[in-house]
């Protein structure tokens, strides 16, 4: 089962299944993904799920690691995306830092 993740420094165990089964979600147009390189943020089944979305918006580095439907945004870069109801969705990549900070 997709529930154990060895990170090298520790082993993560998934303790609960998703609140909603993937097949019950319906069509997903866009995914906003903060980062892809930690199993506690994006596990193997989550990676598989991304392929079903029309487009994934994430960091430039994550987009390079993911499949062709990923768009990487640089810090403060904004992209406008049309919605099905003729509105425009503006997405801006913002800088962030994953903690804890080591000093």
Protein backbone atom coordinates (compact mmCIF):
# COMPACT_ATOMS: atom_id res chain seq x y z
CA UNK A 1 0.00 0.00 0.00
CA UNK A 2 1.04 3.59 -0.62
CA UNK A 3 1.49 4.43 3.07
CA UNK A 4 5.19 4.27 3.97
CA UNK A 5 7.72 6.87 2.82
CA UNK A 6 11.40 6.56 3.67
CA UNK A 7 12.94 10.02 3.43
CA UNK A 8 16.44 8.93 4.39
CA UNK A 9 16.40 10.78 7.72
CA UNK A 10 13.05 9.39 8.88
CA UNK A 11 10.22 7.12 7.83
CA UNK A 12 6.78 8.66 7.36
CA UNK A 13 3.63 6.57 7.79
CA UNK A 14 0.31 7.69 6.34
CA UNK A 15 -2.24 7.24 9.13
CA UNK A 16 -5.46 8.07 7.29
CA UNK A 17 -6.86 7.79 3.80
CA UNK A 18 -8.01 10.91 1.92
CA UNK A 19 -11.32 12.38 3.10
CA UNK A 20 -12.69 12.06 -0.46
CA UNK A 21 -11.92 9.29 -2.93
CA UNK A 22 -10.28 10.50 -6.15
CA UNK A 23 -13.05 9.13 -8.38
CA UNK A 24 -15.60 11.23 -6.45
CA UNK A 25 -13.82 14.55 -7.11
CA UNK A 26 -14.96 15.07 -10.67
CA UNK A 27 -13.01 17.05 -13.25
CA UNK A 28 -10.12 19.11 -11.85
CA UNK A 29 -9.10 22.03 -14.02
CA UNK A 30 -6.24 23.56 -12.02
CA UNK A 31 -4.03 22.52 -9.13
CA UNK A 32 -1.94 24.97 -7.10
CA UNK A 33 1.06 23.06 -5.77
CA UNK A 34 3.38 24.78 -3.28
CA UNK A 35 6.16 22.19 -3.68
CA UNK A 36 6.61 18.60 -4.72
CA UNK A 37 9.72 17.34 -2.99
CA UNK A 38 8.32 16.24 0.41
CA UNK A 39 6.14 13.14 0.70
CA UNK A 40 4.07 14.78 3.44
CA UNK A 41 3.00 17.42 0.88
CA UNK A 42 2.77 15.31 -2.27
CA UNK A 43 2.77 11.52 -2.01
CA UNK A 44 2.88 8.96 -4.82
CA UNK A 45 -0.89 8.87 -5.29
CA UNK A 46 -0.95 12.68 -5.35
CA UNK A 47 1.64 12.67 -8.12
CA UNK A 48 -0.51 10.26 -10.12
CA UNK A 49 -3.55 12.45 -9.57
CA UNK A 50 -1.78 15.54 -10.96
CA UNK A 51 -1.75 13.90 -14.40
CA UNK A 52 -5.56 14.07 -14.50
CA UNK A 53 -5.70 17.85 -13.96
CA UNK A 54 -5.75 20.17 -16.94
CA UNK A 55 -2.87 22.20 -15.52
CA UNK A 56 -0.67 22.32 -12.42
CA UNK A 57 0.76 25.65 -11.29
CA UNK A 58 3.84 25.30 -9.11
CA UNK A 59 7.44 26.43 -8.71
CA UNK A 60 9.83 26.39 -11.65
CA UNK A 61 11.85 23.56 -10.06
CA UNK A 62 8.75 21.45 -9.40
CA UNK A 63 7.48 21.95 -12.95
CA UNK A 64 10.79 20.62 -14.27
CA UNK A 65 10.34 17.44 -12.18
CA UNK A 66 6.67 16.92 -12.99
CA UNK A 67 4.92 16.11 -16.26
CA UNK A 68 4.03 18.28 -19.23
CA UNK A 69 0.83 19.75 -17.73
CA UNK A 70 2.88 21.69 -15.12
CA UNK A 71 3.62 25.39 -15.33
CA UNK A 72 6.38 26.83 -13.15
CA UNK A 73 6.02 30.35 -11.83
CA UNK A 74 8.99 32.48 -10.78
CA UNK A 75 8.74 34.63 -7.66
CA UNK A 76 6.16 37.39 -8.26
CA UNK A 77 5.35 36.14 -11.76
CA UNK A 78 1.62 36.33 -12.49
CA UNK A 79 -0.30 34.32 -15.03
CA UNK A 80 -3.93 34.92 -16.03
CA UNK A 81 -6.06 31.87 -16.70
CA UNK A 82 -9.55 31.97 -18.22
CA UNK A 83 -12.29 30.11 -16.34
CA UNK A 84 -15.29 28.26 -17.75
CA UNK A 85 -17.59 31.13 -16.80
CA UNK A 86 -15.57 33.75 -18.72
CA UNK A 87 -13.81 35.23 -15.71
CA UNK A 88 -10.03 35.51 -15.37
CA UNK A 89 -8.15 33.81 -12.56
CA UNK A 90 -4.84 35.51 -11.71
CA UNK A 91 -2.20 33.29 -10.12
CA UNK A 92 0.99 34.77 -8.66
CA UNK A 93 4.05 32.81 -7.59
CA UNK A 94 5.19 34.05 -4.20
CA UNK A 95 8.50 33.42 -2.48
CA UNK A 96 8.37 31.20 0.59
CA UNK A 97 10.60 29.31 2.92
CA UNK A 98 10.01 25.82 4.23
CA UNK A 99 10.79 25.67 7.95
CA UNK A 100 12.21 25.23 10.39
CA UNK A 101 14.92 27.77 9.74
CA UNK A 102 18.43 26.59 10.61
CA UNK A 103 20.75 29.29 11.94
